[in-house]
Amino acid sequence: MTDFEHLGEGFEAAVIGASGGIGAAFVGALDNMSRVSRVHAFSRSGRAPEGMKVVAGRIDLEAPETIAAAAETVGEGRGVEVAPSLLRLHRTVMQQPGCDDQ
């Protein structure tokens, strides 16, 4: 079972950092999944890869008003689930030699 099967058909995903290399790859992969109905792709610039289900949005983690706007875009009252494999991937990337963001 993948990390997303339990979410059922038509789930929405949100990617923060969608204009970067890894974020853009996640957006593309999610956009190509038949189970996904919409991909909210957030970045500081508001740019995101194009896709049939992609909705680009702006978020700056140092600007609370953009976080509130992003949350409103995704929809209040909906549950949020973090896929464990995405956290594992993030940890793996951050532990690579030369990565200063540890």
PDB file of N, CA and C in Angstrom:
ATOM      1  N   MET A   1       0.844  -1.176   0.000  1.00  0.00           N
ATOM      2  CA  MET A   1       0.000   0.000   0.000  1.00  0.00           C
ATOM      3  C   MET A   1       0.893   1.245   0.000  1.00  0.00           C
ATOM      4  N   THR A   2       0.576   2.222  -0.846  1.00  0.00           N
ATOM      5  CA  THR A   2       1.333   3.463  -0.856  1.00  0.00           C
ATOM      6  C   THR A   2       0.850   4.356   0.282  1.00  0.00           C
ATOM      7  N   ASP A   3       1.556   5.435   0.500  1.00  0.00           N
ATOM      8  CA  ASP A   3       1.168   6.353   1.570  1.00  0.00           C
ATOM      9  C   ASP A   3      -0.136   7.079   1.277  1.00  0.00           C
ATOM     10  N   PHE A   4      -0.622   7.027   0.038  1.00  0.00           N
ATOM     11  CA  PHE A   4      -1.806   7.803  -0.319  1.00  0.00           C
ATOM     12  C   PHE A   4      -3.065   6.972  -0.490  1.00  0.00           C
ATOM     13  N   GLU A   5      -2.967   5.654  -0.523  1.00  0.00           N
ATOM     14  CA  GLU A   5      -4.143   4.831  -0.768  1.00  0.00           C
ATOM     15  C   GLU A   5      -5.229   5.046   0.279  1.00  0.00           C
ATOM     16  N   HIS A   6      -4.851   5.232   1.525  1.00  0.00           N
ATOM     17  CA  HIS A   6      -5.832   5.392   2.592  1.00  0.00           C
ATOM     18  C   HIS A   6      -6.614   6.703   2.480  1.00  0.00           C
ATOM     19  N   LEU A   7      -6.156   7.627   1.637  1.00  0.00           N
ATOM     20  CA  LEU A   7      -6.849   8.906   1.480  1.00  0.00           C
ATOM     21  C   LEU A   7      -8.042   8.795   0.541  1.00  0.00           C
ATOM     22  N   GLY A   8      -8.117   7.721  -0.218  1.00  0.00           N
ATOM     23  CA  GLY A   8      -9.252   7.540  -1.116  1.00  0.00           C
ATOM     24  C   GLY A   8      -9.108   8.330  -2.402  1.00  0.00           C
ATOM     25  N   GLU A   9     -10.118   8.250  -3.229  1.00  0.00           N
ATOM     26  CA  GLU A   9     -10.117   8.943  -4.511  1.00  0.00           C
ATOM     27  C   GLU A   9     -10.430  10.422  -4.332  1.00  0.00           C
ATOM     28  N   GLY A  10      -9.829  11.246  -5.150  1.00  0.00           N
ATOM     29  CA  GLY A  10     -10.174  12.657  -5.193  1.00  0.00           C
ATOM     30  C   GLY A  10      -9.606  13.509  -4.076  1.00  0.00           C
ATOM     31  N   PHE A  11      -8.500  13.076  -3.465  1.00  0.00           N
ATOM     32  CA  PHE A  11      -7.953  13.908  -2.393  1.00  0.00           C
ATOM     33  C   PHE A  11      -7.162  15.079  -2.970  1.00  0.00           C
ATOM     34  N   GLU A  12      -7.029  16.122  -2.166  1.00  0.00           N
ATOM     35  CA  GLU A  12      -6.258  17.296  -2.540  1.00  0.00           C
ATOM     36  C   GLU A  12      -4.928  17.266  -1.802  1.00  0.00           C
ATOM     37  N   ALA A  13      -3.888  17.707  -2.480  1.00  0.00           N
ATOM     38  CA  ALA A  13      -2.553  17.743  -1.890  1.00  0.00           C
ATOM     39  C   ALA A  13      -2.046  19.173  -1.887  1.00  0.00           C
ATOM     40  N   ALA A  14      -1.176  19.485  -0.947  1.00  0.00           N
ATOM     41  CA  ALA A  14      -0.529  20.793  -0.896  1.00  0.00           C
ATOM     42  C   ALA A  14       0.975  20.591  -0.834  1.00  0.00           C
ATOM     43  N   VAL A  15       1.685  21.336  -1.656  1.00  0.00           N
ATOM     44  CA  VAL A  15       3.143  21.290  -1.679  1.00  0.00           C
ATOM     45  C   VAL A  15       3.655  22.695  -1.398  1.00  0.00           C
ATOM     46  N   ILE A  16       4.488  22.829  -0.379  1.00  0.00           N
ATOM     47  CA  ILE A  16       5.115  24.112  -0.069  1.00  0.00           C
ATOM     48  C   ILE A  16       6.544  24.045  -0.577  1.00  0.00           C
ATOM     49  N   GLY A  17       6.937  25.045  -1.352  1.00  0.00           N
ATOM     50  CA  GLY A  17       8.244  25.022  -1.996  1.00  0.00           C
ATOM     51  C   GLY A  17       8.134  24.472  -3.403  1.00  0.00           C
ATOM     52  N   ALA A  18       7.000  24.724  -4.038  1.00  0.00           N
ATOM     53  CA  ALA A  18       6.679  24.123  -5.332  1.00  0.00           C
ATOM     54  C   ALA A  18       7.522  24.632  -6.490  1.00  0.00           C
ATOM     55  N   SER A  19       8.205  25.761  -6.330  1.00  0.00           N
ATOM     56  CA  SER A  19       8.997  26.283  -7.446  1.00  0.00           C
ATOM     57  C   SER A  19      10.430  25.744  -7.437  1.00  0.00           C
ATOM     58  N   GLY A  20      10.815  25.065  -6.365  1.00  0.00           N
ATOM     59  CA  GLY A  20      12.151  24.456  -6.291  1.00  0.00           C
ATOM     60  C   GLY A  20      12.167  23.102  -6.975  1.00  0.00           C
ATOM     61  N   GLY A  21      13.324  22.535  -7.112  1.00  0.00           N
ATOM     62  CA  GLY A  21      13.475  21.273  -7.827  1.00  0.00           C
ATOM     63  C   GLY A  21      12.700  20.119  -7.225  1.00  0.00           C
ATOM     64  N   ILE A  22      12.848  19.897  -5.923  1.00  0.00           N
ATOM     65  CA  ILE A  22      12.153  18.784  -5.278  1.00  0.00           C
ATOM     66  C   ILE A  22      10.654  19.057  -5.214  1.00  0.00           C
ATOM     67  N   GLY A  23      10.280  20.279  -4.847  1.00  0.00           N
ATOM     68  CA  GLY A  23       8.866  20.627  -4.785  1.00  0.00           C
ATOM     69  C   GLY A  23       8.185  20.490  -6.132  1.00  0.00           C
ATOM     70  N   ALA A  24       8.850  20.939  -7.190  1.00  0.00           N
ATOM     71  CA  ALA A  24       8.284  20.826  -8.538  1.00  0.00           C
ATOM     72  C   ALA A  24       8.104  19.366  -8.936  1.00  0.00           C
ATOM     73  N   ALA A  25       9.045  18.515  -8.523  1.00  0.00           N
ATOM     74  CA  ALA A  25       8.925  17.085  -8.820  1.00  0.00           C
ATOM     75  C   ALA A  25       7.714  16.487  -8.104  1.00  0.00           C
ATOM     76  N   PHE A  26       7.501  16.893  -6.839  1.00  0.00           N
ATOM     77  CA  PHE A  26       6.322  16.417  -6.116  1.00  0.00           C
ATOM     78  C   PHE A  26       5.038  16.889  -6.796  1.00  0.00           C
ATOM     79  N   VAL A  27       5.015  18.162  -7.203  1.00  0.00           N
ATOM     80  CA  VAL A  27       3.828  18.694  -7.878  1.00  0.00           C
ATOM     81  C   VAL A  27       3.540  17.885  -9.138  1.00  0.00           C
ATOM     82  N   GLY A  28       4.570  17.636  -9.941  1.00  0.00           N
ATOM     83  CA  GLY A  28       4.382  16.870 -11.169  1.00  0.00           C
ATOM     84  C   GLY A  28       3.884  15.466 -10.913  1.00  0.00           C
ATOM     85  N   ALA A  29       4.466  14.807  -9.914  1.00  0.00           N
ATOM     86  CA  ALA A  29       4.051  13.440  -9.588  1.00  0.00           C
ATOM     87  C   ALA A  29       2.604  13.403  -9.097  1.00  0.00           C
ATOM     88  N   LEU A  30       2.244  14.335  -8.230  1.00  0.00           N
ATOM     89  CA  LEU A  30       0.874  14.382  -7.723  1.00  0.00           C
ATOM     90  C   LEU A  30      -0.118  14.728  -8.826  1.00  0.00           C
ATOM     91  N   ASP A  31       0.261  15.631  -9.717  1.00  0.00           N
ATOM     92  CA  ASP A  31      -0.613  16.020 -10.823  1.00  0.00           C
ATOM     93  C   ASP A  31      -0.911  14.827 -11.738  1.00  0.00           C
ATOM     94  N   ASN A  32       0.032  13.907 -11.817  1.00  0.00           N
ATOM     95  CA  ASN A  32      -0.145  12.732 -12.679  1.00  0.00           C
ATOM     96  C   ASN A  32      -0.869  11.576 -12.001  1.00  0.00           C
ATOM     97  N   MET A  33      -1.144  11.685 -10.712  1.00  0.00           N
ATOM     98  CA  MET A  33      -1.848  10.613  -9.996  1.00  0.00           C
ATOM     99  C   MET A  33      -3.354  10.738 -10.207  1.00  0.00           C
ATOM    100  N   SER A  34      -3.963   9.658 -10.621  1.00  0.00           N
ATOM    101  CA  SER A  34      -5.405   9.697 -10.884  1.00  0.00           C
ATOM    102  C   SER A  34      -6.217   9.930  -9.609  1.00  0.00           C
ATOM    103  N   ARG A  35      -5.712   9.548  -8.457  1.00  0.00           N
ATOM    104  CA  ARG A  35      -6.446   9.705  -7.199  1.00  0.00           C
ATOM    105  C   ARG A  35      -6.520  11.153  -6.726  1.00  0.00           C
ATOM    106  N   VAL A  36      -5.635  11.997  -7.242  1.00  0.00           N
ATOM    107  CA  VAL A  36      -5.543  13.388  -6.787  1.00  0.00           C
ATOM    108  C   VAL A  36      -6.491  14.267  -7.605  1.00  0.00           C
ATOM    109  N   SER A  37      -7.306  15.053  -6.913  1.00  0.00           N
ATOM    110  CA  SER A  37      -8.229  15.945  -7.620  1.00  0.00           C
ATOM    111  C   SER A  37      -7.650  17.341  -7.822  1.00  0.00           C
ATOM    112  N   ARG A  38      -6.755  17.767  -6.901  1.00  0.00           N
ATOM    113  CA  ARG A  38      -6.179  19.106  -7.005  1.00  0.00           C
ATOM    114  C   ARG A  38      -4.841  19.123  -6.276  1.00  0.00           C
ATOM    115  N   VAL A  39      -3.894  19.879  -6.837  1.00  0.00           N
ATOM    116  CA  VAL A  39      -2.590  20.058  -6.189  1.00  0.00           C
ATOM    117  C   VAL A  39      -2.409  21.551  -5.925  1.00  0.00           C
ATOM    118  N   HIS A  40      -2.401  21.917  -4.668  1.00  0.00           N
ATOM    119  CA  HIS A  40      -2.140  23.300  -4.275  1.00  0.00           C
ATOM    120  C   HIS A  40      -0.624  23.444  -4.210  1.00  0.00           C
ATOM    121  N   ALA A  41      -0.066  24.249  -5.090  1.00  0.00           N
ATOM    122  CA  ALA A  41       1.393  24.385  -5.214  1.00  0.00           C
ATOM    123  C   ALA A  41       1.810  25.769  -4.740  1.00  0.00           C
ATOM    124  N   PHE A  42       2.392  25.828  -3.548  1.00  0.00           N
ATOM    125  CA  PHE A  42       2.754  27.103  -2.935  1.00  0.00           C
ATOM    126  C   PHE A  42       4.258  27.364  -3.019  1.00  0.00           C
ATOM    127  N   SER A  43       4.589  28.626  -3.249  1.00  0.00           N
ATOM    128  CA  SER A  43       5.988  29.064  -3.235  1.00  0.00           C
ATOM    129  C   SER A  43       6.017  30.537  -2.848  1.00  0.00           C
ATOM    130  N   ARG A  44       7.194  31.026  -2.486  1.00  0.00           N
ATOM    131  CA  ARG A  44       7.306  32.456  -2.148  1.00  0.00           C
ATOM    132  C   ARG A  44       6.968  33.338  -3.335  1.00  0.00           C
ATOM    133  N   SER A  45       7.351  32.902  -4.526  1.00  0.00           N
ATOM    134  CA  SER A  45       7.107  33.710  -5.728  1.00  0.00           C
ATOM    135  C   SER A  45       5.688  33.565  -6.253  1.00  0.00           C
ATOM    136  N   GLY A  46       5.013  32.495  -5.852  1.00  0.00           N
ATOM    137  CA  GLY A  46       3.682  32.223  -6.398  1.00  0.00           C
ATOM    138  C   GLY A  46       3.742  31.435  -7.697  1.00  0.00           C
ATOM    139  N   ARG A  47       4.963  31.135  -8.156  1.00  0.00           N
ATOM    140  CA  ARG A  47       5.117  30.340  -9.383  1.00  0.00           C
ATOM    141  C   ARG A  47       5.121  28.866  -9.021  1.00  0.00           C
ATOM    142  N   ALA A  48       4.591  28.077  -9.950  1.00  0.00           N
ATOM    143  CA  ALA A  48       4.568  26.630  -9.769  1.00  0.00           C
ATOM    144  C   ALA A  48       4.532  25.980 -11.141  1.00  0.00           C
ATOM    145  N   PRO A  49       4.924  24.718 -11.221  1.00  0.00           N
ATOM    146  CA  PRO A  49       4.831  24.015 -12.498  1.00  0.00           C
ATOM    147  C   PRO A  49       3.381  23.980 -12.971  1.00  0.00           C
ATOM    148  N   GLU A  50       3.194  24.016 -14.257  1.00  0.00           N
ATOM    149  CA  GLU A  50       1.844  23.935 -14.799  1.00  0.00           C
ATOM    150  C   GLU A  50       1.372  22.499 -14.782  1.00  0.00           C
ATOM    151  N   GLY A  51       0.076  22.330 -14.627  1.00  0.00           N
ATOM    152  CA  GLY A  51      -0.519  21.007 -14.640  1.00  0.00           C
ATOM    153  C   GLY A  51      -2.029  21.132 -14.691  1.00  0.00           C
ATOM    154  N   MET A  52      -2.668  20.061 -15.085  1.00  0.00           N
ATOM    155  CA  MET A  52      -4.126  20.066 -15.213  1.00  0.00           C
ATOM    156  C   MET A  52      -4.818  20.325 -13.872  1.00  0.00           C
ATOM    157  N   LYS A  53      -4.236  19.842 -12.796  1.00  0.00           N
ATOM    158  CA  LYS A  53      -4.879  19.945 -11.481  1.00  0.00           C
ATOM    159  C   LYS A  53      -4.160  20.904 -10.548  1.00  0.00           C
ATOM    160  N   VAL A  54      -3.181  21.635 -11.061  1.00  0.00           N
ATOM    161  CA  VAL A  54      -2.334  22.482 -10.218  1.00  0.00           C
ATOM    162  C   VAL A  54      -2.945  23.869 -10.026  1.00  0.00           C
ATOM    163  N   VAL A  55      -3.003  24.286  -8.775  1.00  0.00           N
ATOM    164  CA  VAL A  55      -3.439  25.633  -8.409  1.00  0.00           C
ATOM    165  C   VAL A  55      -2.258  26.283  -7.702  1.00  0.00           C
ATOM    166  N   ALA A  56      -1.647  27.272  -8.334  1.00  0.00           N
ATOM    167  CA  ALA A  56      -0.474  27.944  -7.758  1.00  0.00           C
ATOM    168  C   ALA A  56      -0.901  28.963  -6.722  1.00  0.00           C
ATOM    169  N   GLY A  57      -0.090  29.110  -5.693  1.00  0.00           N
ATOM    170  CA  GLY A  57      -0.379  30.089  -4.659  1.00  0.00           C
ATOM    171  C   GLY A  57       0.910  30.583  -4.031  1.00  0.00           C
ATOM    172  N   ARG A  58       0.806  31.719  -3.371  1.00  0.00           N
ATOM    173  CA  ARG A  58       1.973  32.324  -2.734  1.00  0.00           C
ATOM    174  C   ARG A  58       1.956  32.031  -1.241  1.00  0.00           C
ATOM    175  N   ILE A  59       3.127  31.673  -0.714  1.00  0.00           N
ATOM    176  CA  ILE A  59       3.275  31.508   0.730  1.00  0.00           C
ATOM    177  C   ILE A  59       4.710  31.868   1.104  1.00  0.00           C
ATOM    178  N   ASP A  60       4.833  32.610   2.175  1.00  0.00           N
ATOM    179  CA  ASP A  60       6.145  32.941   2.734  1.00  0.00           C
ATOM    180  C   ASP A  60       6.048  32.607   4.217  1.00  0.00           C
ATOM    181  N   LEU A  61       6.819  31.654   4.660  1.00  0.00           N
ATOM    182  CA  LEU A  61       6.707  31.185   6.035  1.00  0.00           C
ATOM    183  C   LEU A  61       7.088  32.239   7.058  1.00  0.00           C
ATOM    184  N   GLU A  62       7.649  33.367   6.609  1.00  0.00           N
ATOM    185  CA  GLU A  62       7.952  34.476   7.514  1.00  0.00           C
ATOM    186  C   GLU A  62       6.900  35.576   7.445  1.00  0.00           C
ATOM    187  N   ALA A  63       5.841  35.340   6.664  1.00  0.00           N
ATOM    188  CA  ALA A  63       4.757  36.320   6.523  1.00  0.00           C
ATOM    189  C   ALA A  63       3.435  35.639   6.881  1.00  0.00           C
ATOM    190  N   PRO A  64       2.991  35.796   8.126  1.00  0.00           N
ATOM    191  CA  PRO A  64       1.794  35.095   8.600  1.00  0.00           C
ATOM    192  C   PRO A  64       0.552  35.300   7.726  1.00  0.00           C
ATOM    193  N   GLU A  65       0.421  36.475   7.118  1.00  0.00           N
ATOM    194  CA  GLU A  65      -0.764  36.712   6.293  1.00  0.00           C
ATOM    195  C   GLU A  65      -0.798  35.800   5.064  1.00  0.00           C
ATOM    196  N   THR A  66       0.377  35.422   4.551  1.00  0.00           N
ATOM    197  CA  THR A  66       0.390  34.514   3.389  1.00  0.00           C
ATOM    198  C   THR A  66       0.067  33.086   3.827  1.00  0.00           C
ATOM    199  N   ILE A  67       0.435  32.737   5.045  1.00  0.00           N
ATOM    200  CA  ILE A  67       0.100  31.406   5.567  1.00  0.00           C
ATOM    201  C   ILE A  67      -1.411  31.303   5.745  1.00  0.00           C
ATOM    202  N   ALA A  68      -2.007  32.356   6.303  1.00  0.00           N
ATOM    203  CA  ALA A  68      -3.462  32.369   6.491  1.00  0.00           C
ATOM    204  C   ALA A  68      -4.186  32.296   5.148  1.00  0.00           C
ATOM    205  N   ALA A  69      -3.702  33.044   4.166  1.00  0.00           N
ATOM    206  CA  ALA A  69      -4.321  33.014   2.843  1.00  0.00           C
ATOM    207  C   ALA A  69      -4.191  31.638   2.193  1.00  0.00           C
ATOM    208  N   ALA A  70      -3.036  30.997   2.372  1.00  0.00           N
ATOM    209  CA  ALA A  70      -2.840  29.654   1.812  1.00  0.00           C
ATOM    210  C   ALA A  70      -3.794  28.662   2.463  1.00  0.00           C
ATOM    211  N   ALA A  71      -3.943  28.751   3.772  1.00  0.00           N
ATOM    212  CA  ALA A  71      -4.854  27.854   4.487  1.00  0.00           C
ATOM    213  C   ALA A  71      -6.287  28.048   4.005  1.00  0.00           C
ATOM    214  N   GLU A  72      -6.658  29.291   3.763  1.00  0.00           N
ATOM    215  CA  GLU A  72      -8.003  29.569   3.266  1.00  0.00           C
ATOM    216  C   GLU A  72      -8.193  29.008   1.860  1.00  0.00           C
ATOM    217  N   THR A  73      -7.157  29.106   1.031  1.00  0.00           N
ATOM    218  CA  THR A  73      -7.216  28.574  -0.330  1.00  0.00           C
ATOM    219  C   THR A  73      -7.440  27.067  -0.318  1.00  0.00           C
ATOM    220  N   VAL A  74      -6.712  26.385   0.542  1.00  0.00           N
ATOM    221  CA  VAL A  74      -6.832  24.927   0.610  1.00  0.00           C
ATOM    222  C   VAL A  74      -8.198  24.549   1.175  1.00  0.00           C
ATOM    223  N   GLY A  75      -8.707  25.325   2.086  1.00  0.00           N
ATOM    224  CA  GLY A  75     -10.048  25.081   2.610  1.00  0.00           C
ATOM    225  C   GLY A  75     -10.042  24.780   4.085  1.00  0.00           C
ATOM    226  N   GLU A  76     -10.705  25.631   4.821  1.00  0.00           N
ATOM    227  CA  GLU A  76     -10.812  25.431   6.258  1.00  0.00           C
ATOM    228  C   GLU A  76     -11.731  24.250   6.543  1.00  0.00           C
ATOM    229  N   GLY A  77     -11.448  23.604   7.656  1.00  0.00           N
ATOM    230  CA  GLY A  77     -12.299  22.503   8.066  1.00  0.00           C
ATOM    231  C   GLY A  77     -11.911  21.168   7.459  1.00  0.00           C
ATOM    232  N   ARG A  78     -10.938  21.165   6.568  1.00  0.00           N
ATOM    233  CA  ARG A  78     -10.483  19.901   5.990  1.00  0.00           C
ATOM    234  C   ARG A  78      -9.309  19.382   6.804  1.00  0.00           C
ATOM    235  N   GLY A  79      -9.224  18.092   6.902  1.00  0.00           N
ATOM    236  CA  GLY A  79      -8.113  17.479   7.621  1.00  0.00           C
ATOM    237  C   GLY A  79      -6.833  17.587   6.819  1.00  0.00           C
ATOM    238  N   VAL A  80      -5.717  17.644   7.504  1.00  0.00           N
ATOM    239  CA  VAL A  80      -4.406  17.691   6.862  1.00  0.00           C
ATOM    240  C   VAL A  80      -3.624  16.482   7.326  1.00  0.00           C
ATOM    241  N   GLU A  81      -3.043  15.783   6.390  1.00  0.00           N
ATOM    242  CA  GLU A  81      -2.242  14.616   6.725  1.00  0.00           C
ATOM    243  C   GLU A  81      -0.894  14.743   6.045  1.00  0.00           C
ATOM    244  N   VAL A  82       0.161  14.491   6.797  1.00  0.00           N
ATOM    245  CA  VAL A  82       1.506  14.536   6.246  1.00  0.00           C
ATOM    246  C   VAL A  82       1.915  13.110   5.912  1.00  0.00           C
ATOM    247  N   ALA A  83       2.304  12.891   4.667  1.00  0.00           N
ATOM    248  CA  ALA A  83       2.722  11.556   4.246  1.00  0.00           C
ATOM    249  C   ALA A  83       4.081  11.238   4.852  1.00  0.00           C
ATOM    250  N   PRO A  84       4.197  10.157   5.612  1.00  0.00           N
ATOM    251  CA  PRO A  84       5.475   9.826   6.262  1.00  0.00           C
ATOM    252  C   PRO A  84       6.633   9.689   5.282  1.00  0.00           C
ATOM    253  N   SER A  85       6.388   9.196   4.082  1.00  0.00           N
ATOM    254  CA  SER A  85       7.494   9.026   3.135  1.00  0.00           C
ATOM    255  C   SER A  85       8.065  10.371   2.709  1.00  0.00           C
ATOM    256  N   LEU A  86       7.256  11.418   2.666  1.00  0.00           N
ATOM    257  CA  LEU A  86       7.758  12.740   2.311  1.00  0.00           C
ATOM    258  C   LEU A  86       8.671  13.263   3.412  1.00  0.00           C
ATOM    259  N   LEU A  87       8.320  12.990   4.666  1.00  0.00           N
ATOM    260  CA  LEU A  87       9.181  13.412   5.767  1.00  0.00           C
ATOM    261  C   LEU A  87      10.495  12.642   5.737  1.00  0.00           C
ATOM    262  N   ARG A  88      10.430  11.345   5.437  1.00  0.00           N
ATOM    263  CA  ARG A  88      11.662  10.554   5.348  1.00  0.00           C
ATOM    264  C   ARG A  88      12.544  11.082   4.228  1.00  0.00           C
ATOM    265  N   LEU A  89      11.938  11.401   3.085  1.00  0.00           N
ATOM    266  CA  LEU A  89      12.710  11.937   1.963  1.00  0.00           C
ATOM    267  C   LEU A  89      13.369  13.248   2.370  1.00  0.00           C
ATOM    268  N   HIS A  90      12.629  14.127   3.022  1.00  0.00           N
ATOM    269  CA  HIS A  90      13.171  15.412   3.451  1.00  0.00           C
ATOM    270  C   HIS A  90      14.368  15.189   4.376  1.00  0.00           C
ATOM    271  N   ARG A  91      14.226  14.297   5.339  1.00  0.00           N
ATOM    272  CA  ARG A  91      15.325  14.036   6.272  1.00  0.00           C
ATOM    273  C   ARG A  91      16.542  13.499   5.547  1.00  0.00           C
ATOM    274  N   THR A  92      16.319  12.617   4.580  1.00  0.00           N
ATOM    275  CA  THR A  92      17.425  12.039   3.814  1.00  0.00           C
ATOM    276  C   THR A  92      18.159  13.116   3.035  1.00  0.00           C
ATOM    277  N   VAL A  93      17.415  13.980   2.388  1.00  0.00           N
ATOM    278  CA  VAL A  93      18.020  15.057   1.601  1.00  0.00           C
ATOM    279  C   VAL A  93      18.803  15.994   2.510  1.00  0.00           C
ATOM    280  N   MET A  94      18.244  16.336   3.654  1.00  0.00           N
ATOM    281  CA  MET A  94      18.873  17.288   4.547  1.00  0.00           C
ATOM    282  C   MET A  94      20.139  16.729   5.188  1.00  0.00           C
ATOM    283  N   GLN A  95      20.307  15.418   5.209  1.00  0.00           N
ATOM    284  CA  GLN A  95      21.480  14.808   5.827  1.00  0.00           C
ATOM    285  C   GLN A  95      22.626  14.608   4.831  1.00  0.00           C
ATOM    286  N   GLN A  96      22.416  14.986   3.589  1.00  0.00           N
ATOM    287  CA  GLN A  96      23.455  14.818   2.584  1.00  0.00           C
ATOM    288  C   GLN A  96      24.604  15.777   2.834  1.00  0.00           C
ATOM    289  N   PRO A  97      25.842  15.355   2.512  1.00  0.00           N
ATOM    290  CA  PRO A  97      26.993  16.258   2.675  1.00  0.00           C
ATOM    291  C   PRO A  97      26.782  17.551   1.876  1.00  0.00           C
ATOM    292  N   GLY A  98      27.151  18.655   2.463  1.00  0.00           N
ATOM    293  CA  GLY A  98      27.032  19.939   1.775  1.00  0.00           C
ATOM    294  C   GLY A  98      25.725  20.648   2.026  1.00  0.00           C
ATOM    295  N   CYS A  99      24.797  20.001   2.708  1.00  0.00           N
ATOM    296  CA  CYS A  99      23.520  20.651   3.001  1.00  0.00           C
ATOM    297  C   CYS A  99      23.682  21.400   4.320  1.00  0.00           C
ATOM    298  N   ASP A 100      23.548  22.717   4.276  1.00  0.00           N
ATOM    299  CA  ASP A 100      23.771  23.546   5.461  1.00  0.00           C
ATOM    300  C   ASP A 100      22.529  23.769   6.296  1.00  0.00           C
ATOM    301  N   ASP A 101      21.362  23.274   5.843  1.00  0.00           N
ATOM    302  CA  ASP A 101      20.097  23.547   6.516  1.00  0.00           C
ATOM    303  C   ASP A 101      19.762  22.540   7.608  1.00  0.00           C
ATOM    304  N   GLN A 102      20.711  21.990   8.304  1.00  0.00           N
ATOM    305  CA  GLN A 102      20.418  20.939   9.276  1.00  0.00           C
ATOM    306  C   GLN A 102      19.987  21.496  10.589  1.00  0.00           C
TER     307      GLN A 102
END
